[in-house]
PDB file of N, CA and C in Angstrom:
ATOM      1  N   MET A   1       0.858  -1.182   0.008  1.00  0.00           N
ATOM      2  CA  MET A   1       0.005   0.011   0.026  1.00  0.00           C
ATOM      3  C   MET A   1       0.881   1.214   0.012  1.00  0.00           C
ATOM      4  N   ASN A   2       0.537   2.248  -0.795  1.00  0.00           N
ATOM      5  CA  ASN A   2       1.241   3.484  -0.896  1.00  0.00           C
ATOM      6  C   ASN A   2       0.817   4.420   0.212  1.00  0.00           C
ATOM      7  N   THR A   3       1.695   4.816   1.116  1.00  0.00           N
ATOM      8  CA  THR A   3       1.324   5.670   2.213  1.00  0.00           C
ATOM      9  C   THR A   3       1.738   7.151   2.005  1.00  0.00           C
ATOM     10  N   SER A   4       2.362   7.437   0.876  1.00  0.00           N
ATOM     11  CA  SER A   4       2.805   8.837   0.618  1.00  0.00           C
ATOM     12  C   SER A   4       1.607   9.626   0.079  1.00  0.00           C
ATOM     13  N   SER A   5       1.619  10.911   0.492  1.00  0.00           N
ATOM     14  CA  SER A   5       0.569  11.792   0.068  1.00  0.00           C
ATOM     15  C   SER A   5       0.889  12.300  -1.343  1.00  0.00           C
ATOM     16  N   PRO A   6      -0.133  12.882  -2.034  1.00  0.00           N
ATOM     17  CA  PRO A   6       0.156  13.446  -3.355  1.00  0.00           C
ATOM     18  C   PRO A   6       1.197  14.481  -3.367  1.00  0.00           C
ATOM     19  N   ALA A   7       1.212  15.309  -2.267  1.00  0.00           N
ATOM     20  CA  ALA A   7       2.239  16.376  -2.143  1.00  0.00           C
ATOM     21  C   ALA A   7       3.636  15.774  -2.035  1.00  0.00           C
ATOM     22  N   THR A   8       3.791  14.719  -1.294  1.00  0.00           N
ATOM     23  CA  THR A   8       5.112  14.050  -1.196  1.00  0.00           C
ATOM     24  C   THR A   8       5.505  13.433  -2.502  1.00  0.00           C
ATOM     25  N   ALA A   9       4.562  12.806  -3.183  1.00  0.00           N
ATOM     26  CA  ALA A   9       4.834  12.232  -4.475  1.00  0.00           C
ATOM     27  C   ALA A   9       5.300  13.286  -5.491  1.00  0.00           C
ATOM     28  N   GLN A  10       4.690  14.464  -5.417  1.00  0.00           N
ATOM     29  CA  GLN A  10       5.040  15.554  -6.317  1.00  0.00           C
ATOM     30  C   GLN A  10       6.448  16.034  -6.044  1.00  0.00           C
ATOM     31  N   LEU A  11       6.869  16.122  -4.755  1.00  0.00           N
ATOM     32  CA  LEU A  11       8.201  16.596  -4.443  1.00  0.00           C
ATOM     33  C   LEU A  11       9.285  15.590  -4.802  1.00  0.00           C
ATOM     34  N   SER A  12       8.943  14.293  -4.808  1.00  0.00           N
ATOM     35  CA  SER A  12       9.984  13.289  -5.106  1.00  0.00           C
ATOM     36  C   SER A  12       9.998  12.903  -6.555  1.00  0.00           C
ATOM     37  N   ARG A  13       9.260  13.644  -7.393  1.00  0.00           N
ATOM     38  CA  ARG A  13       9.205  13.367  -8.836  1.00  0.00           C
ATOM     39  C   ARG A  13      10.574  13.626  -9.403  1.00  0.00           C
ATOM     40  N   PRO A  14      11.028  12.715 -10.273  1.00  0.00           N
ATOM     41  CA  PRO A  14      12.373  12.872 -10.881  1.00  0.00           C
ATOM     42  C   PRO A  14      12.397  14.155 -11.792  1.00  0.00           C
ATOM     43  N   LEU A  15      13.542  14.848 -11.727  1.00  0.00           N
ATOM     44  CA  LEU A  15      13.676  16.110 -12.509  1.00  0.00           C
ATOM     45  C   LEU A  15      13.506  15.910 -13.973  1.00  0.00           C
ATOM     46  N   TRP A  16      13.979  14.766 -14.490  1.00  0.00           N
ATOM     47  CA  TRP A  16      13.859  14.531 -15.960  1.00  0.00           C
ATOM     48  C   TRP A  16      12.405  14.525 -16.411  1.00  0.00           C
ATOM     49  N   ARG A  17      11.486  14.150 -15.534  1.00  0.00           N
ATOM     50  CA  ARG A  17      10.032  14.154 -15.904  1.00  0.00           C
ATOM     51  C   ARG A  17       9.569  15.608 -16.070  1.00  0.00           C
ATOM     52  N   ASP A  18      10.056  16.514 -15.234  1.00  0.00           N
ATOM     53  CA  ASP A  18       9.722  17.906 -15.360  1.00  0.00           C
ATOM     54  C   ASP A  18      10.146  18.478 -16.696  1.00  0.00           C
ATOM     55  N   TYR A  19      11.414  18.125 -17.083  1.00  0.00           N
ATOM     56  CA  TYR A  19      11.950  18.635 -18.347  1.00  0.00           C
ATOM     57  C   TYR A  19      11.185  17.998 -19.541  1.00  0.00           C
ATOM     58  N   LEU A  20      10.800  16.768 -19.380  1.00  0.00           N
ATOM     59  CA  LEU A  20      10.002  16.137 -20.441  1.00  0.00           C
ATOM     60  C   LEU A  20       8.638  16.828 -20.573  1.00  0.00           C
ATOM     61  N   GLU A  21       7.988  17.132 -19.435  1.00  0.00           N
ATOM     62  CA  GLU A  21       6.732  17.837 -19.421  1.00  0.00           C
ATOM     63  C   GLU A  21       6.837  19.216 -20.093  1.00  0.00           C
ATOM     64  N   LEU A  22       7.984  19.901 -19.878  1.00  0.00           N
ATOM     65  CA  LEU A  22       8.172  21.202 -20.545  1.00  0.00           C
ATOM     66  C   LEU A  22       8.117  21.098 -22.021  1.00  0.00           C
ATOM     67  N   CYS A  23       8.494  19.953 -22.591  1.00  0.00           N
ATOM     68  CA  CYS A  23       8.568  19.823 -24.042  1.00  0.00           C
ATOM     69  C   CYS A  23       7.160  19.495 -24.667  1.00  0.00           C
ATOM     70  N   LYS A  24       6.168  19.309 -23.807  1.00  0.00           N
ATOM     71  CA  LYS A  24       4.820  18.990 -24.318  1.00  0.00           C
ATOM     72  C   LYS A  24       4.842  17.874 -25.354  1.00  0.00           C
ATOM     73  N   PRO A  25       5.275  16.670 -24.963  1.00  0.00           N
ATOM     74  CA  PRO A  25       5.522  15.575 -25.924  1.00  0.00           C
ATOM     75  C   PRO A  25       4.266  15.178 -26.722  1.00  0.00           C
ATOM     76  N   ASN A  26       3.099  15.262 -26.158  1.00  0.00           N
ATOM     77  CA  ASN A  26       1.888  14.906 -26.914  1.00  0.00           C
ATOM     78  C   ASN A  26       1.652  15.904 -28.098  1.00  0.00           C
ATOM     79  N   VAL A  27       1.822  17.172 -27.796  1.00  0.00           N
ATOM     80  CA  VAL A  27       1.659  18.169 -28.826  1.00  0.00           C
ATOM     81  C   VAL A  27       2.723  18.036 -29.929  1.00  0.00           C
ATOM     82  N   VAL A  28       3.956  17.817 -29.507  1.00  0.00           N
ATOM     83  CA  VAL A  28       5.010  17.634 -30.502  1.00  0.00           C
ATOM     84  C   VAL A  28       4.851  16.387 -31.302  1.00  0.00           C
ATOM     85  N   ALA A  29       4.331  15.292 -30.708  1.00  0.00           N
ATOM     86  CA  ALA A  29       4.052  14.102 -31.445  1.00  0.00           C
ATOM     87  C   ALA A  29       2.994  14.361 -32.552  1.00  0.00           C
ATOM     88  N   LEU A  30       1.991  15.120 -32.228  1.00  0.00           N
ATOM     89  CA  LEU A  30       0.938  15.467 -33.231  1.00  0.00           C
ATOM     90  C   LEU A  30       1.568  16.334 -34.330  1.00  0.00           C
ATOM     91  N   MET A  31       2.481  17.234 -34.004  1.00  0.00           N
ATOM     92  CA  MET A  31       3.132  18.029 -35.021  1.00  0.00           C
ATOM     93  C   MET A  31       3.979  17.149 -35.937  1.00  0.00           C
ATOM     94  N   THR A  32       4.646  16.207 -35.370  1.00  0.00           N
ATOM     95  CA  THR A  32       5.496  15.271 -36.126  1.00  0.00           C
ATOM     96  C   THR A  32       4.641  14.470 -37.108  1.00  0.00           C
ATOM     97  N   VAL A  33       3.455  14.030 -36.696  1.00  0.00           N
ATOM     98  CA  VAL A  33       2.572  13.317 -37.625  1.00  0.00           C
ATOM     99  C   VAL A  33       2.242  14.142 -38.812  1.00  0.00           C
ATOM    100  N   THR A  34       1.966  15.478 -38.592  1.00  0.00           N
ATOM    101  CA  THR A  34       1.650  16.360 -39.703  1.00  0.00           C
ATOM    102  C   THR A  34       2.808  16.539 -40.637  1.00  0.00           C
ATOM    103  N   THR A  35       4.040  16.604 -40.045  1.00  0.00           N
ATOM    104  CA  THR A  35       5.207  16.749 -40.915  1.00  0.00           C
ATOM    105  C   THR A  35       5.459  15.509 -41.733  1.00  0.00           C
ATOM    106  N   LEU A  36       5.239  14.345 -41.133  1.00  0.00           N
ATOM    107  CA  LEU A  36       5.312  13.087 -41.882  1.00  0.00           C
ATOM    108  C   LEU A  36       4.350  13.039 -43.054  1.00  0.00           C
ATOM    109  N   VAL A  37       3.135  13.411 -42.803  1.00  0.00           N
ATOM    110  CA  VAL A  37       2.119  13.429 -43.866  1.00  0.00           C
ATOM    111  C   VAL A  37       2.529  14.422 -44.981  1.00  0.00           C
ATOM    112  N   GLY A  38       2.991  15.595 -44.551  1.00  0.00           N
ATOM    113  CA  GLY A  38       3.460  16.574 -45.525  1.00  0.00           C
ATOM    114  C   GLY A  38       4.624  16.065 -46.366  1.00  0.00           C
ATOM    115  N   MET A  39       5.566  15.409 -45.738  1.00  0.00           N
ATOM    116  CA  MET A  39       6.673  14.874 -46.482  1.00  0.00           C
ATOM    117  C   MET A  39       6.277  13.876 -47.528  1.00  0.00           C
ATOM    118  N   PHE A  40       5.392  12.965 -47.155  1.00  0.00           N
ATOM    119  CA  PHE A  40       4.925  11.958 -48.103  1.00  0.00           C
ATOM    120  C   PHE A  40       4.070  12.506 -49.204  1.00  0.00           C
ATOM    121  N   LEU A  41       3.277  13.555 -48.904  1.00  0.00           N
ATOM    122  CA  LEU A  41       2.428  14.188 -49.942  1.00  0.00           C
ATOM    123  C   LEU A  41       3.298  15.032 -50.893  1.00  0.00           C
ATOM    124  N   ALA A  42       4.466  15.528 -50.412  1.00  0.00           N
ATOM    125  CA  ALA A  42       5.258  16.382 -51.243  1.00  0.00           C
ATOM    126  C   ALA A  42       6.193  15.679 -52.202  1.00  0.00           C
ATOM    127  N   THR A  43       6.291  14.356 -52.067  1.00  0.00           N
ATOM    128  CA  THR A  43       7.186  13.605 -52.957  1.00  0.00           C
ATOM    129  C   THR A  43       6.376  12.531 -53.756  1.00  0.00           C
ATOM    130  N   ASP A  44       6.895  12.224 -54.916  1.00  0.00           N
ATOM    131  CA  ASP A  44       6.264  11.175 -55.748  1.00  0.00           C
ATOM    132  C   ASP A  44       6.569   9.764 -55.214  1.00  0.00           C
ATOM    133  N   GLY A  45       7.789   9.579 -54.766  1.00  0.00           N
ATOM    134  CA  GLY A  45       8.208   8.268 -54.294  1.00  0.00           C
ATOM    135  C   GLY A  45       8.419   8.268 -52.767  1.00  0.00           C
ATOM    136  N   MET A  46       9.324   7.459 -52.347  1.00  0.00           N
ATOM    137  CA  MET A  46       9.652   7.424 -50.888  1.00  0.00           C
ATOM    138  C   MET A  46      10.476   8.587 -50.511  1.00  0.00           C
ATOM    139  N   VAL A  47      10.241   9.160 -49.331  1.00  0.00           N
ATOM    140  CA  VAL A  47      11.035  10.228 -48.800  1.00  0.00           C
ATOM    141  C   VAL A  47      12.411   9.638 -48.432  1.00  0.00           C
ATOM    142  N   PRO A  48      13.521  10.249 -48.828  1.00  0.00           N
ATOM    143  CA  PRO A  48      14.844   9.731 -48.456  1.00  0.00           C
ATOM    144  C   PRO A  48      14.925   9.602 -46.894  1.00  0.00           C
ATOM    145  N   LEU A  49      15.462   8.477 -46.445  1.00  0.00           N
ATOM    146  CA  LEU A  49      15.464   8.146 -45.006  1.00  0.00           C
ATOM    147  C   LEU A  49      16.113   9.189 -44.157  1.00  0.00           C
ATOM    148  N   VAL A  50      17.279   9.718 -44.610  1.00  0.00           N
ATOM    149  CA  VAL A  50      17.966  10.750 -43.839  1.00  0.00           C
ATOM    150  C   VAL A  50      17.122  12.003 -43.692  1.00  0.00           C
ATOM    151  N   ILE A  51      16.431  12.435 -44.713  1.00  0.00           N
ATOM    152  CA  ILE A  51      15.601  13.597 -44.651  1.00  0.00           C
ATOM    153  C   ILE A  51      14.374  13.309 -43.769  1.00  0.00           C
ATOM    154  N   LEU A  52      13.805  12.119 -43.904  1.00  0.00           N
ATOM    155  CA  LEU A  52      12.669  11.731 -43.089  1.00  0.00           C
ATOM    156  C   LEU A  52      12.999  11.775 -41.604  1.00  0.00           C
ATOM    157  N   VAL A  53      14.101  11.142 -41.187  1.00  0.00           N
ATOM    158  CA  VAL A  53      14.496  11.071 -39.774  1.00  0.00           C
ATOM    159  C   VAL A  53      15.018  12.399 -39.287  1.00  0.00           C
ATOM    160  N   ALA A  54      15.971  12.975 -39.994  1.00  0.00           N
ATOM    161  CA  ALA A  54      16.604  14.244 -39.539  1.00  0.00           C
ATOM    162  C   ALA A  54      15.606  15.370 -39.541  1.00  0.00           C
ATOM    163  N   GLY A  55      14.771  15.430 -40.597  1.00  0.00           N
ATOM    164  CA  GLY A  55      13.781  16.459 -40.696  1.00  0.00           C
ATOM    165  C   GLY A  55      12.803  16.464 -39.539  1.00  0.00           C
ATOM    166  N   ASN A  56      12.314  15.279 -39.256  1.00  0.00           N
ATOM    167  CA  ASN A  56      11.341  15.156 -38.152  1.00  0.00           C
ATOM    168  C   ASN A  56      11.989  15.360 -36.795  1.00  0.00           C
ATOM    169  N   LEU A  57      13.224  14.887 -36.584  1.00  0.00           N
ATOM    170  CA  LEU A  57      13.913  15.079 -35.363  1.00  0.00           C
ATOM    171  C   LEU A  57      14.245  16.570 -35.150  1.00  0.00           C
ATOM    172  N   GLY A  58      14.693  17.214 -36.194  1.00  0.00           N
ATOM    173  CA  GLY A  58      14.980  18.673 -36.050  1.00  0.00           C
ATOM    174  C   GLY A  58      13.733  19.488 -35.776  1.00  0.00           C
ATOM    175  N   ILE A  59      12.662  19.201 -36.507  1.00  0.00           N
ATOM    176  CA  ILE A  59      11.425  19.912 -36.279  1.00  0.00           C
ATOM    177  C   ILE A  59      10.887  19.630 -34.846  1.00  0.00           C
ATOM    178  N   ALA A  60      10.977  18.395 -34.379  1.00  0.00           N
ATOM    179  CA  ALA A  60      10.532  18.037 -33.068  1.00  0.00           C
ATOM    180  C   ALA A  60      11.304  18.787 -31.937  1.00  0.00           C
ATOM    181  N   LEU A  61      12.649  18.791 -32.135  1.00  0.00           N
ATOM    182  CA  LEU A  61      13.469  19.565 -31.145  1.00  0.00           C
ATOM    183  C   LEU A  61      13.161  21.035 -31.148  1.00  0.00           C
ATOM    184  N   CYS A  62      12.941  21.632 -32.305  1.00  0.00           N
ATOM    185  CA  CYS A  62      12.564  23.065 -32.381  1.00  0.00           C
ATOM    186  C   CYS A  62      11.198  23.284 -31.750  1.00  0.00           C
ATOM    187  N   ALA A  63      10.257  22.407 -31.967  1.00  0.00           N
ATOM    188  CA  ALA A  63       8.955  22.498 -31.382  1.00  0.00           C
ATOM    189  C   ALA A  63       9.003  22.356 -29.833  1.00  0.00           C
ATOM    190  N   CYS A  64       9.853  21.486 -29.363  1.00  0.00           N
ATOM    191  CA  CYS A  64      10.126  21.320 -27.884  1.00  0.00           C
ATOM    192  C   CYS A  64      10.676  22.671 -27.348  1.00  0.00           C
ATOM    193  N   SER A  65      11.595  23.240 -28.045  1.00  0.00           N
ATOM    194  CA  SER A  65      12.228  24.495 -27.640  1.00  0.00           C
ATOM    195  C   SER A  65      11.136  25.549 -27.484  1.00  0.00           C
ATOM    196  N   ALA A  66      10.237  25.625 -28.463  1.00  0.00           N
ATOM    197  CA  ALA A  66       9.159  26.652 -28.365  1.00  0.00           C
ATOM    198  C   ALA A  66       8.196  26.345 -27.223  1.00  0.00           C
ATOM    199  N   ALA A  67       7.914  25.069 -26.964  1.00  0.00           N
ATOM    200  CA  ALA A  67       7.042  24.696 -25.884  1.00  0.00           C
ATOM    201  C   ALA A  67       7.625  25.103 -24.514  1.00  0.00           C
ATOM    202  N   VAL A  68       8.952  24.959 -24.373  1.00  0.00           N
ATOM    203  CA  VAL A  68       9.583  25.351 -23.111  1.00  0.00           C
ATOM    204  C   VAL A  68       9.425  26.858 -22.923  1.00  0.00           C
ATOM    205  N   ILE A  69       9.695  27.620 -23.951  1.00  0.00           N
ATOM    206  CA  ILE A  69       9.544  29.051 -23.875  1.00  0.00           C
ATOM    207  C   ILE A  69       8.116  29.455 -23.496  1.00  0.00           C
ATOM    208  N   ASN A  70       7.165  28.726 -24.015  1.00  0.00           N
ATOM    209  CA  ASN A  70       5.737  28.933 -23.708  1.00  0.00           C
ATOM    210  C   ASN A  70       5.496  28.772 -22.195  1.00  0.00           C
ATOM    211  N   HIS A  71       6.130  27.799 -21.621  1.00  0.00           N
ATOM    212  CA  HIS A  71       5.989  27.589 -20.136  1.00  0.00           C
ATOM    213  C   HIS A  71       6.521  28.764 -19.354  1.00  0.00           C
ATOM    214  N   VAL A  72       7.627  29.310 -19.778  1.00  0.00           N
ATOM    215  CA  VAL A  72       8.213  30.477 -19.094  1.00  0.00           C
ATOM    216  C   VAL A  72       7.350  31.688 -19.243  1.00  0.00           C
ATOM    217  N   VAL A  73       6.885  31.958 -20.470  1.00  0.00           N
ATOM    218  CA  VAL A  73       6.033  33.119 -20.791  1.00  0.00           C
ATOM    219  C   VAL A  73       4.702  33.039 -20.012  1.00  0.00           C
ATOM    220  N   ASP A  74       4.129  31.847 -19.927  1.00  0.00           N
ATOM    221  CA  ASP A  74       2.810  31.642 -19.278  1.00  0.00           C
ATOM    222  C   ASP A  74       2.896  31.377 -17.784  1.00  0.00           C
ATOM    223  N   LYS A  75       4.012  31.523 -17.156  1.00  0.00           N
ATOM    224  CA  LYS A  75       4.215  31.158 -15.775  1.00  0.00           C
ATOM    225  C   LYS A  75       3.167  31.834 -14.853  1.00  0.00           C
ATOM    226  N   ARG A  76       2.961  33.100 -14.939  1.00  0.00           N
ATOM    227  CA  ARG A  76       1.990  33.770 -14.038  1.00  0.00           C
ATOM    228  C   ARG A  76       0.557  33.346 -14.336  1.00  0.00           C
ATOM    229  N   ILE A  77       0.229  33.225 -15.605  1.00  0.00           N
ATOM    230  CA  ILE A  77      -1.143  32.791 -15.975  1.00  0.00           C
ATOM    231  C   ILE A  77      -1.383  31.355 -15.495  1.00  0.00           C
ATOM    232  N   ASP A  78      -0.338  30.507 -15.636  1.00  0.00           N
ATOM    233  CA  ASP A  78      -0.504  29.084 -15.252  1.00  0.00           C
ATOM    234  C   ASP A  78      -0.810  28.976 -13.746  1.00  0.00           C
ATOM    235  N   LEU A  79      -0.206  29.833 -12.945  1.00  0.00           N
ATOM    236  CA  LEU A  79      -0.479  29.813 -11.518  1.00  0.00           C
ATOM    237  C   LEU A  79      -1.931  30.102 -11.137  1.00  0.00           C
ATOM    238  N   LEU A  80      -2.631  30.798 -12.012  1.00  0.00           N
ATOM    239  CA  LEU A  80      -4.029  31.217 -11.728  1.00  0.00           C
ATOM    240  C   LEU A  80      -5.056  30.126 -12.061  1.00  0.00           C
ATOM    241  N   MET A  81      -4.668  29.185 -12.948  1.00  0.00           N
ATOM    242  CA  MET A  81      -5.636  28.181 -13.395  1.00  0.00           C
ATOM    243  C   MET A  81      -5.355  26.847 -12.742  1.00  0.00           C
ATOM    244  N   GLN A  82      -6.417  26.194 -12.270  1.00  0.00           N
ATOM    245  CA  GLN A  82      -6.343  24.937 -11.619  1.00  0.00           C
ATOM    246  C   GLN A  82      -5.609  23.871 -12.476  1.00  0.00           C
ATOM    247  N   ARG A  83      -5.955  23.852 -13.788  1.00  0.00           N
ATOM    248  CA  ARG A  83      -5.420  22.864 -14.690  1.00  0.00           C
ATOM    249  C   ARG A  83      -3.910  22.988 -14.898  1.00  0.00           C
ATOM    250  N   THR A  84      -3.386  24.231 -14.784  1.00  0.00           N
ATOM    251  CA  THR A  84      -1.982  24.457 -15.154  1.00  0.00           C
ATOM    252  C   THR A  84      -1.108  24.845 -13.991  1.00  0.00           C
ATOM    253  N   ARG A  85      -1.608  24.997 -12.835  1.00  0.00           N
ATOM    254  CA  ARG A  85      -0.816  25.529 -11.711  1.00  0.00           C
ATOM    255  C   ARG A  85       0.310  24.578 -11.248  1.00  0.00           C
ATOM    256  N   ASN A  86       0.246  23.340 -11.638  1.00  0.00           N
ATOM    257  CA  ASN A  86       1.324  22.402 -11.196  1.00  0.00           C
ATOM    258  C   ASN A  86       2.358  22.167 -12.268  1.00  0.00           C
ATOM    259  N   ARG A  87       2.375  22.985 -13.350  1.00  0.00           N
ATOM    260  CA  ARG A  87       3.390  22.876 -14.347  1.00  0.00           C
ATOM    261  C   ARG A  87       4.768  23.160 -13.718  1.00  0.00           C
ATOM    262  N   PRO A  88       5.847  22.583 -14.314  1.00  0.00           N
ATOM    263  CA  PRO A  88       7.165  22.671 -13.656  1.00  0.00           C
ATOM    264  C   PRO A  88       7.703  24.094 -13.428  1.00  0.00           C
ATOM    265  N   VAL A  89       7.552  24.973 -14.381  1.00  0.00           N
ATOM    266  CA  VAL A  89       8.024  26.342 -14.196  1.00  0.00           C
ATOM    267  C   VAL A  89       7.155  27.138 -13.264  1.00  0.00           C
ATOM    268  N   ALA A  90       5.843  27.014 -13.453  1.00  0.00           N
ATOM    269  CA  ALA A  90       4.906  27.712 -12.628  1.00  0.00           C
ATOM    270  C   ALA A  90       5.092  27.334 -11.137  1.00  0.00           C
ATOM    271  N   LYS A  91       5.311  26.029 -10.905  1.00  0.00           N
ATOM    272  CA  LYS A  91       5.454  25.539  -9.507  1.00  0.00           C
ATOM    273  C   LYS A  91       6.848  25.755  -8.945  1.00  0.00           C
ATOM    274  N   GLY A  92       7.812  26.175  -9.799  1.00  0.00           N
ATOM    275  CA  GLY A  92       9.163  26.424  -9.357  1.00  0.00           C
ATOM    276  C   GLY A  92      10.061  25.187  -9.279  1.00  0.00           C
ATOM    277  N   ARG A  93       9.653  24.078  -9.861  1.00  0.00           N
ATOM    278  CA  ARG A  93      10.467  22.928  -9.864  1.00  0.00           C
ATOM    279  C   ARG A  93      11.624  23.064 -10.869  1.00  0.00           C
ATOM    280  N   VAL A  94      11.366  23.844 -11.930  1.00  0.00           N
ATOM    281  CA  VAL A  94      12.389  24.221 -12.855  1.00  0.00           C
ATOM    282  C   VAL A  94      12.391  25.728 -12.949  1.00  0.00           C
ATOM    283  N   GLY A  95      13.573  26.329 -12.766  1.00  0.00           N
ATOM    284  CA  GLY A  95      13.690  27.783 -12.767  1.00  0.00           C
ATOM    285  C   GLY A  95      13.572  28.324 -14.205  1.00  0.00           C
ATOM    286  N   ASP A  96      13.313  29.645 -14.249  1.00  0.00           N
ATOM    287  CA  ASP A  96      13.191  30.328 -15.543  1.00  0.00           C
ATOM    288  C   ASP A  96      14.483  30.199 -16.345  1.00  0.00           C
ATOM    289  N   VAL A  97      15.605  30.463 -15.676  1.00  0.00           N
ATOM    290  CA  VAL A  97      16.910  30.424 -16.393  1.00  0.00           C
ATOM    291  C   VAL A  97      17.199  29.007 -16.889  1.00  0.00           C
ATOM    292  N   GLN A  98      16.975  28.020 -16.069  1.00  0.00           N
ATOM    293  CA  GLN A  98      17.194  26.629 -16.412  1.00  0.00           C
ATOM    294  C   GLN A  98      16.350  26.262 -17.639  1.00  0.00           C
ATOM    295  N   ALA A  99      15.065  26.671 -17.576  1.00  0.00           N
ATOM    296  CA  ALA A  99      14.151  26.368 -18.667  1.00  0.00           C
ATOM    297  C   ALA A  99      14.583  27.080 -19.976  1.00  0.00           C
ATOM    298  N   LEU A 100      15.017  28.285 -19.864  1.00  0.00           N
ATOM    299  CA  LEU A 100      15.480  29.006 -21.081  1.00  0.00           C
ATOM    300  C   LEU A 100      16.767  28.433 -21.642  1.00  0.00           C
ATOM    301  N   LEU A 101      17.700  27.971 -20.788  1.00  0.00           N
ATOM    302  CA  LEU A 101      18.911  27.309 -21.256  1.00  0.00           C
ATOM    303  C   LEU A 101      18.525  25.996 -21.936  1.00  0.00           C
ATOM    304  N   PHE A 102      17.628  25.256 -21.338  1.00  0.00           N
ATOM    305  CA  PHE A 102      17.154  24.008 -21.963  1.00  0.00           C
ATOM    306  C   PHE A 102      16.539  24.285 -23.310  1.00  0.00           C
ATOM    307  N   SER A 103      15.699  25.295 -23.378  1.00  0.00           N
ATOM    308  CA  SER A 103      15.031  25.679 -24.629  1.00  0.00           C
ATOM    309  C   SER A 103      16.108  26.049 -25.673  1.00  0.00           C
ATOM    310  N   ALA A 104      17.105  26.834 -25.289  1.00  0.00           N
ATOM    311  CA  ALA A 104      18.119  27.274 -26.202  1.00  0.00           C
ATOM    312  C   ALA A 104      18.888  26.049 -26.747  1.00  0.00           C
ATOM    313  N   THR A 105      19.201  25.145 -25.853  1.00  0.00           N
ATOM    314  CA  THR A 105      19.943  23.895 -26.199  1.00  0.00           C
ATOM    315  C   THR A 105      19.127  23.125 -27.269  1.00  0.00           C
ATOM    316  N   LEU A 106      17.830  22.877 -26.950  1.00  0.00           N
ATOM    317  CA  LEU A 106      17.022  22.161 -27.897  1.00  0.00           C
ATOM    318  C   LEU A 106      16.903  22.854 -29.230  1.00  0.00           C
ATOM    319  N   GLY A 107      16.693  24.165 -29.172  1.00  0.00           N
ATOM    320  CA  GLY A 107      16.548  24.939 -30.395  1.00  0.00           C
ATOM    321  C   GLY A 107      17.803  24.931 -31.264  1.00  0.00           C
ATOM    322  N   VAL A 108      18.959  25.113 -30.666  1.00  0.00           N
ATOM    323  CA  VAL A 108      20.203  25.100 -31.419  1.00  0.00           C
ATOM    324  C   VAL A 108      20.466  23.707 -32.013  1.00  0.00           C
ATOM    325  N   LEU A 109      20.216  22.697 -31.201  1.00  0.00           N
ATOM    326  CA  LEU A 109      20.421  21.323 -31.694  1.00  0.00           C
ATOM    327  C   LEU A 109      19.485  20.993 -32.853  1.00  0.00           C
ATOM    328  N   GLY A 110      18.229  21.387 -32.680  1.00  0.00           N
ATOM    329  CA  GLY A 110      17.238  21.168 -33.765  1.00  0.00           C
ATOM    330  C   GLY A 110      17.586  21.859 -35.057  1.00  0.00           C
ATOM    331  N   MET A 111      17.958  23.148 -34.921  1.00  0.00           N
ATOM    332  CA  MET A 111      18.350  23.903 -36.116  1.00  0.00           C
ATOM    333  C   MET A 111      19.616  23.357 -36.743  1.00  0.00           C
ATOM    334  N   ALA A 112      20.532  22.933 -35.952  1.00  0.00           N
ATOM    335  CA  ALA A 112      21.758  22.370 -36.474  1.00  0.00           C
ATOM    336  C   ALA A 112      21.480  21.074 -37.305  1.00  0.00           C
ATOM    337  N   ILE A 113      20.629  20.242 -36.755  1.00  0.00           N
ATOM    338  CA  ILE A 113      20.247  19.023 -37.499  1.00  0.00           C
ATOM    339  C   ILE A 113      19.576  19.370 -38.790  1.00  0.00           C
ATOM    340  N   LEU A 114      18.644  20.334 -38.772  1.00  0.00           N
ATOM    341  CA  LEU A 114      17.947  20.775 -39.991  1.00  0.00           C
ATOM    342  C   LEU A 114      18.916  21.386 -41.002  1.00  0.00           C
ATOM    343  N   PHE A 115      19.840  22.204 -40.495  1.00  0.00           N
ATOM    344  CA  PHE A 115      20.793  22.856 -41.409  1.00  0.00           C
ATOM    345  C   PHE A 115      21.763  21.864 -42.061  1.00  0.00           C
ATOM    346  N   VAL A 116      22.241  20.911 -41.301  1.00  0.00           N
ATOM    347  CA  VAL A 116      23.220  19.973 -41.825  1.00  0.00           C
ATOM    348  C   VAL A 116      22.600  18.868 -42.721  1.00  0.00           C
ATOM    349  N   TYR A 117      21.455  18.347 -42.294  1.00  0.00           N
ATOM    350  CA  TYR A 117      20.893  17.154 -42.966  1.00  0.00           C
ATOM    351  C   TYR A 117      19.764  17.451 -43.918  1.00  0.00           C
ATOM    352  N   VAL A 118      19.085  18.561 -43.740  1.00  0.00           N
ATOM    353  CA  VAL A 118      17.920  18.807 -44.587  1.00  0.00           C
ATOM    354  C   VAL A 118      18.206  20.016 -45.427  1.00  0.00           C
TER     355      VAL A 118
END
């Protein structure tokens, strides 16, 4: 039987899960589906594997970068709404500076992949 309270469970949550939540993986996955569809509609044959993988990876990383910035920008608003008040930046589990550095890293990596491979 689990005797920990929800508050205790929230405090002991691994930090990597907070960073993953900042990336809004469900939204990014839906974006990736649309880019896959677009790639296949834009070509007559098969999309080259390097472009398929690198293009979607680069786009996903850039989308994650934007999602993290959104968390920082919406921090005050998120605290006011029941649905969003427990988000990592709003709750203070990830600081603004750390979130922005994470966003910059994701964005630079995503753009580098797109620039080199696509």
